[in-house]
Amino acid sequence: MPLRAIAPNAVTALALCSGLSGVRFAIGGEWERAVAMIMVAGVLDGIDGRIARLLRGESRFGAELDSLSDAISFGVAPALILYLWSLAALPRVGWMCALLLAVFCALRLARFNARIDITDQPHKSAGFMTGVPAPAGAGLALLPMFLWFSTEEPIFASPWLVAPWTAFIAVLMVSSLATFSWTSMRLRRSVRFEALAMIVLLGAALVTAPWQTLSVIGIGYLAMLPFSIASYARVKRLRASGGSQREPVPTPTSA
């Protein structure tokens, strides 16, 4: 392994450690710390690929390590956290839903890896992803916990709500729905300053009211799904009529 590949792989390993640390905090009943560790893993997962490209340290080893880290941090760890937090009250059904989240996340990652070398990928070539990516799926699965932290309403911790919600998010992760890929989005020069201001406001909101902000982000992501499906359907119609998407689309860095 070249020396320049050490840094991105170290970040990926740290993401794996964060995901497993979330399980450790969940066992101790420290729910906010447990969820925070999954969020930290998501941030680390978002930057390891960029570090690899910056240092030209991409490798097959790094790609495999990234997938293994994602399967644990965004599949196994959230499933165990949700089970210990709420789903254990329904031992059979709750464990089945937790298994769905973990296994479907692994299936999604396996499908992503199997298609890396395939050139004919309609979603990817149009700037979309297939299904909900693993980090976003983990965040959506933990949305009831965000709402519970924000409101302290016991309804959000009810296993009768958490179990079907967990299964629903698991299905979204392994589905073939077209979802927006933020790495393929382009900003016009006229709105780049406004976009920077929005990022600063988002960062401030995450620091001052993290759970409320994450709840809004999760609900907003779900609200965007119909628009991403409709947008891809429009792209398909354009392609069928002889049109094409001429704008180059970068390769997504997260499964």
Protein backbone atom coordinates (compact mmCIF):
# COMPACT_ATOMS: atom_id res chain seq x y z
CA MET A 1 0.00 0.00 0.00
CA PRO A 2 1.52 3.39 -0.95
CA LEU A 3 2.12 5.85 1.86
CA ARG A 4 -0.37 8.36 0.41
CA ALA A 5 -3.15 5.79 0.87
CA ILE A 6 -2.61 5.57 4.62
CA ALA A 7 -4.42 8.82 5.48
CA PRO A 8 -7.78 8.08 3.80
CA ASN A 9 -7.79 4.51 5.09
CA ALA A 10 -7.06 5.80 8.60
CA VAL A 11 -10.09 8.10 8.33
CA THR A 12 -12.21 5.14 7.20
CA ALA A 13 -10.95 3.11 10.18
CA LEU A 14 -11.88 6.01 12.49
CA ALA A 15 -15.40 5.97 11.00
CA LEU A 16 -15.60 2.26 11.82
CA CYS A 17 -14.44 2.95 15.37
CA SER A 18 -17.08 5.66 15.74
CA GLY A 19 -19.85 3.32 14.61
CA LEU A 20 -18.77 0.61 17.04
CA SER A 21 -18.43 3.19 19.83
CA GLY A 22 -22.07 4.05 19.23
CA VAL A 23 -22.99 0.47 20.13
CA ARG A 24 -20.87 0.72 23.27
CA PHE A 25 -22.69 3.88 24.41
CA ALA A 26 -26.06 2.30 23.60
CA ILE A 27 -25.25 -0.67 25.83
CA GLY A 28 -24.66 1.81 28.64
CA GLY A 29 -27.92 3.64 27.91
CA GLU A 30 -26.13 6.81 26.76
CA TRP A 31 -28.44 7.35 23.80
CA GLU A 32 -27.35 10.81 22.73
CA ARG A 33 -23.69 9.80 22.66
CA ALA A 34 -24.58 6.63 20.78
CA VAL A 35 -26.38 8.56 18.05
CA ALA A 36 -23.64 11.22 17.98
CA MET A 37 -21.08 8.51 17.20
CA ILE A 38 -23.10 7.43 14.16
CA MET A 39 -23.21 11.06 13.01
CA VAL A 40 -19.43 11.34 13.45
CA ALA A 41 -19.02 8.18 11.38
CA GLY A 42 -21.15 9.78 8.67
CA VAL A 43 -18.94 12.87 8.58
CA LEU A 44 -15.78 10.78 8.41
CA ASP A 45 -17.29 8.65 5.66
CA GLY A 46 -17.99 11.79 3.69
CA ILE A 47 -14.40 13.02 3.75
CA ASP A 48 -12.31 9.86 3.38
CA GLY A 49 -12.95 9.59 -0.35
CA ARG A 50 -12.13 13.24 -0.89
CA ILE A 51 -8.88 12.86 1.02
CA ALA A 52 -8.03 9.84 -1.13
CA ARG A 53 -8.61 11.78 -4.35
CA LEU A 54 -6.73 14.80 -3.05
CA LEU A 55 -3.69 12.66 -2.21
CA ARG A 56 -4.20 10.35 -5.19
CA GLY A 57 -4.40 7.51 -2.71
CA GLU A 58 -7.34 5.61 -4.17
CA SER A 59 -6.95 1.85 -3.93
CA ARG A 60 -9.03 -1.29 -4.16
CA PHE A 61 -8.14 -1.98 -0.53
CA GLY A 62 -9.56 1.39 0.47
CA ALA A 63 -12.78 0.75 -1.44
CA GLU A 64 -13.29 -2.59 0.27
CA LEU A 65 -12.45 -1.16 3.70
CA ASP A 66 -14.92 1.68 3.10
CA SER A 67 -17.72 -0.77 2.31
CA LEU A 68 -16.98 -2.89 5.37
CA SER A 69 -16.91 0.23 7.53
CA ASP A 70 -20.23 1.42 6.08
CA ALA A 71 -21.89 -1.94 6.66
CA ILE A 72 -20.99 -1.81 10.35
CA SER A 73 -21.34 1.93 11.03
CA PHE A 74 -24.57 2.47 9.07
CA GLY A 75 -26.13 -0.98 9.17
CA VAL A 76 -25.15 -3.06 12.19
CA ALA A 77 -24.56 -0.21 14.66
CA PRO A 78 -27.85 1.70 14.04
CA ALA A 79 -29.76 -1.60 14.11
CA LEU A 80 -28.32 -2.51 17.50
CA ILE A 81 -28.85 1.00 18.87
CA LEU A 82 -32.50 0.98 17.81
CA TYR A 83 -33.00 -2.50 19.21
CA LEU A 84 -31.50 -1.63 22.59
CA TRP A 85 -33.40 1.67 22.70
CA SER A 86 -36.89 0.57 21.67
CA LEU A 87 -37.21 -2.61 19.61
CA ALA A 88 -36.24 -4.92 22.48
CA ALA A 89 -39.79 -4.40 23.82
CA LEU A 90 -40.93 -6.48 20.83
CA PRO A 91 -38.28 -9.22 20.93
CA ARG A 92 -39.28 -11.14 17.82
CA VAL A 93 -40.66 -8.43 15.55
CA GLY A 94 -38.18 -5.87 16.82
CA TRP A 95 -35.19 -8.10 16.18
CA MET A 96 -36.53 -8.94 12.72
CA CYS A 97 -36.73 -5.24 11.85
CA ALA A 98 -33.22 -4.65 13.22
CA LEU A 99 -31.95 -7.54 11.10
CA LEU A 100 -33.63 -6.06 8.02
CA LEU A 101 -31.82 -2.77 8.52
CA ALA A 102 -28.41 -4.41 8.95
CA VAL A 103 -28.80 -7.00 6.18
CA PHE A 104 -30.39 -4.66 3.65
CA CYS A 105 -27.60 -2.15 4.23
CA ALA A 106 -25.06 -4.89 3.50
CA LEU A 107 -27.01 -5.92 0.38
CA ARG A 108 -27.05 -2.33 -0.83
CA LEU A 109 -23.30 -2.03 -0.40
CA ALA A 110 -22.73 -5.37 -2.15
CA ARG A 111 -24.85 -4.17 -5.07
CA PHE A 112 -22.90 -0.90 -5.17
CA ASN A 113 -19.55 -2.74 -5.27
CA ALA A 114 -20.76 -5.20 -7.90
CA ARG A 115 -21.66 -2.31 -10.23
CA ILE A 116 -18.46 -0.28 -9.84
CA ASP A 117 -16.96 -1.55 -13.11
CA ILE A 118 -20.24 -1.55 -15.07
CA THR A 119 -20.41 1.30 -17.58
CA ASP A 120 -24.15 1.09 -18.27
CA GLN A 121 -25.69 2.55 -15.10
CA PRO A 122 -28.68 4.77 -15.99
CA HIS A 123 -29.07 6.31 -12.52
CA LYS A 124 -25.38 7.09 -12.09
CA SER A 125 -24.93 8.50 -15.59
CA ALA A 126 -27.83 10.89 -15.00
CA GLY A 127 -26.45 12.13 -11.67
CA PHE A 128 -28.65 10.01 -9.38
CA MET A 129 -28.03 7.21 -6.92
CA THR A 130 -29.90 3.92 -6.70
CA GLY A 131 -31.80 3.78 -3.43
CA VAL A 132 -31.05 5.73 -0.27
CA PRO A 133 -27.28 5.75 0.43
CA ALA A 134 -26.06 4.00 3.56
CA PRO A 135 -25.17 7.10 5.67
CA ALA A 136 -28.48 8.78 4.83
CA GLY A 137 -30.33 5.53 5.54
CA ALA A 138 -28.73 5.32 8.98
CA GLY A 139 -29.74 8.91 9.71
CA LEU A 140 -33.30 8.29 8.58
CA ALA A 141 -33.52 5.11 10.66
CA LEU A 142 -32.47 7.13 13.71
CA LEU A 143 -35.01 9.89 13.02
CA PRO A 144 -37.38 8.69 15.80
CA MET A 145 -34.49 9.12 18.24
CA PHE A 146 -33.83 12.66 16.95
CA LEU A 147 -37.49 13.53 17.51
CA TRP A 148 -37.45 11.88 20.94
CA PHE A 149 -34.40 13.89 21.98
CA SER A 150 -36.04 17.08 20.69
CA THR A 151 -39.53 16.69 22.15
CA GLU A 152 -39.23 14.00 24.87
CA GLU A 153 -42.54 12.65 23.58
CA PRO A 154 -42.82 8.92 24.46
CA ILE A 155 -44.66 8.17 21.22
CA PHE A 156 -41.39 8.44 19.27
CA ALA A 157 -39.84 5.69 21.43
CA SER A 158 -42.78 3.34 20.96
CA PRO A 159 -41.65 0.05 19.37
CA TRP A 160 -44.94 -0.02 17.44
CA LEU A 161 -43.71 3.10 15.62
CA VAL A 162 -39.99 2.35 15.52
CA ALA A 163 -40.34 -1.22 14.17
CA PRO A 164 -42.27 -0.42 10.95
CA TRP A 165 -40.21 2.73 10.47
CA THR A 166 -36.96 0.74 10.66
CA ALA A 167 -38.27 -1.79 8.14
CA PHE A 168 -39.42 1.01 5.83
CA ILE A 169 -36.00 2.67 5.81
CA ALA A 170 -34.34 -0.71 5.22
CA VAL A 171 -36.48 -1.18 2.12
CA LEU A 172 -35.61 2.31 0.88
CA MET A 173 -31.90 1.51 1.18
CA VAL A 174 -32.13 -1.61 -0.95
CA SER A 175 -34.72 -0.22 -3.36
CA SER A 176 -34.10 0.87 -6.95
CA LEU A 177 -35.53 4.36 -6.44
CA ALA A 178 -33.58 7.20 -8.02
CA THR A 179 -32.30 9.54 -5.32
CA PHE A 180 -30.40 12.81 -5.65
CA SER A 181 -26.62 12.62 -5.44
CA TRP A 182 -25.34 15.81 -3.84
CA THR A 183 -21.91 15.30 -5.40
CA SER A 184 -23.44 15.79 -8.86
CA MET A 185 -25.22 19.05 -8.01
CA ARG A 186 -23.95 22.27 -9.54
CA LEU A 187 -24.41 25.79 -8.19
CA ARG A 188 -24.68 28.84 -10.37
CA ARG A 189 -22.07 31.51 -9.70
CA SER A 190 -24.78 33.97 -8.69
CA VAL A 191 -25.90 31.90 -5.69
CA ARG A 192 -22.60 30.58 -4.36
CA PHE A 193 -22.36 33.26 -1.67
CA GLU A 194 -25.91 32.52 -0.54
CA ALA A 195 -25.09 28.80 -0.45
CA LEU A 196 -22.04 29.50 1.73
CA ALA A 197 -24.20 31.54 4.09
CA MET A 198 -26.70 28.69 4.31
CA ILE A 199 -23.91 26.26 5.19
CA VAL A 200 -22.76 28.58 7.98
CA LEU A 201 -26.32 28.84 9.31
CA LEU A 202 -26.69 25.06 9.14
CA GLY A 203 -23.46 24.61 11.09
CA ALA A 204 -24.62 27.07 13.73
CA ALA A 205 -27.97 25.28 14.00
CA LEU A 206 -26.24 21.92 14.43
CA VAL A 207 -24.13 23.33 17.26
CA THR A 208 -26.98 25.08 19.11
CA ALA A 209 -29.88 22.69 18.45
CA PRO A 210 -28.43 19.48 16.96
CA TRP A 211 -31.39 17.14 17.36
CA GLN A 212 -33.98 19.59 16.10
CA THR A 213 -31.75 20.40 13.12
CA LEU A 214 -31.13 16.75 12.31
CA SER A 215 -34.87 16.10 12.55
CA VAL A 216 -35.56 18.84 10.01
CA ILE A 217 -32.82 17.54 7.71
CA GLY A 218 -34.22 13.99 7.88
CA ILE A 219 -37.78 15.10 7.17
CA GLY A 220 -36.53 17.35 4.37
CA TYR A 221 -34.62 14.45 2.78
CA LEU A 222 -37.74 12.30 2.81
CA ALA A 223 -39.74 15.14 1.28
CA MET A 224 -37.22 15.33 -1.58
CA LEU A 225 -37.65 11.69 -2.59
CA PRO A 226 -40.76 12.27 -4.76
CA PHE A 227 -38.93 15.11 -6.53
CA SER A 228 -35.89 12.93 -7.23
CA ILE A 229 -38.11 10.18 -8.64
CA ALA A 230 -39.99 12.69 -10.83
CA SER A 231 -36.72 14.30 -11.94
CA TYR A 232 -35.25 10.96 -13.03
CA ALA A 233 -38.48 10.08 -14.83
CA ARG A 234 -38.11 13.33 -16.78
CA VAL A 235 -34.52 12.41 -17.66
CA LYS A 236 -35.68 9.01 -18.89
CA ARG A 237 -38.31 10.64 -21.11
CA LEU A 238 -35.70 12.99 -22.55
CA ARG A 239 -33.38 10.09 -23.29
CA ALA A 240 -36.19 8.09 -24.86
CA SER A 241 -37.02 11.03 -27.13
CA GLY A 242 -33.40 11.39 -28.24
CA GLY A 243 -32.21 14.00 -25.72
CA SER A 244 -29.24 13.53 -23.43
CA GLN A 245 -27.74 14.92 -20.28
CA ARG A 246 -24.56 16.61 -21.43
CA GLU A 247 -23.28 17.79 -18.07
CA PRO A 248 -20.53 15.51 -16.73
CA VAL A 249 -21.43 13.81 -13.49
CA PRO A 250 -18.78 12.91 -10.88
CA THR A 251 -18.72 9.45 -9.41
CA PRO A 252 -20.51 9.25 -6.03
CA THR A 253 -18.15 8.54 -3.15
CA SER A 254 -20.63 6.95 -0.79
CA ALA A 255 -22.78 3.86 -1.16
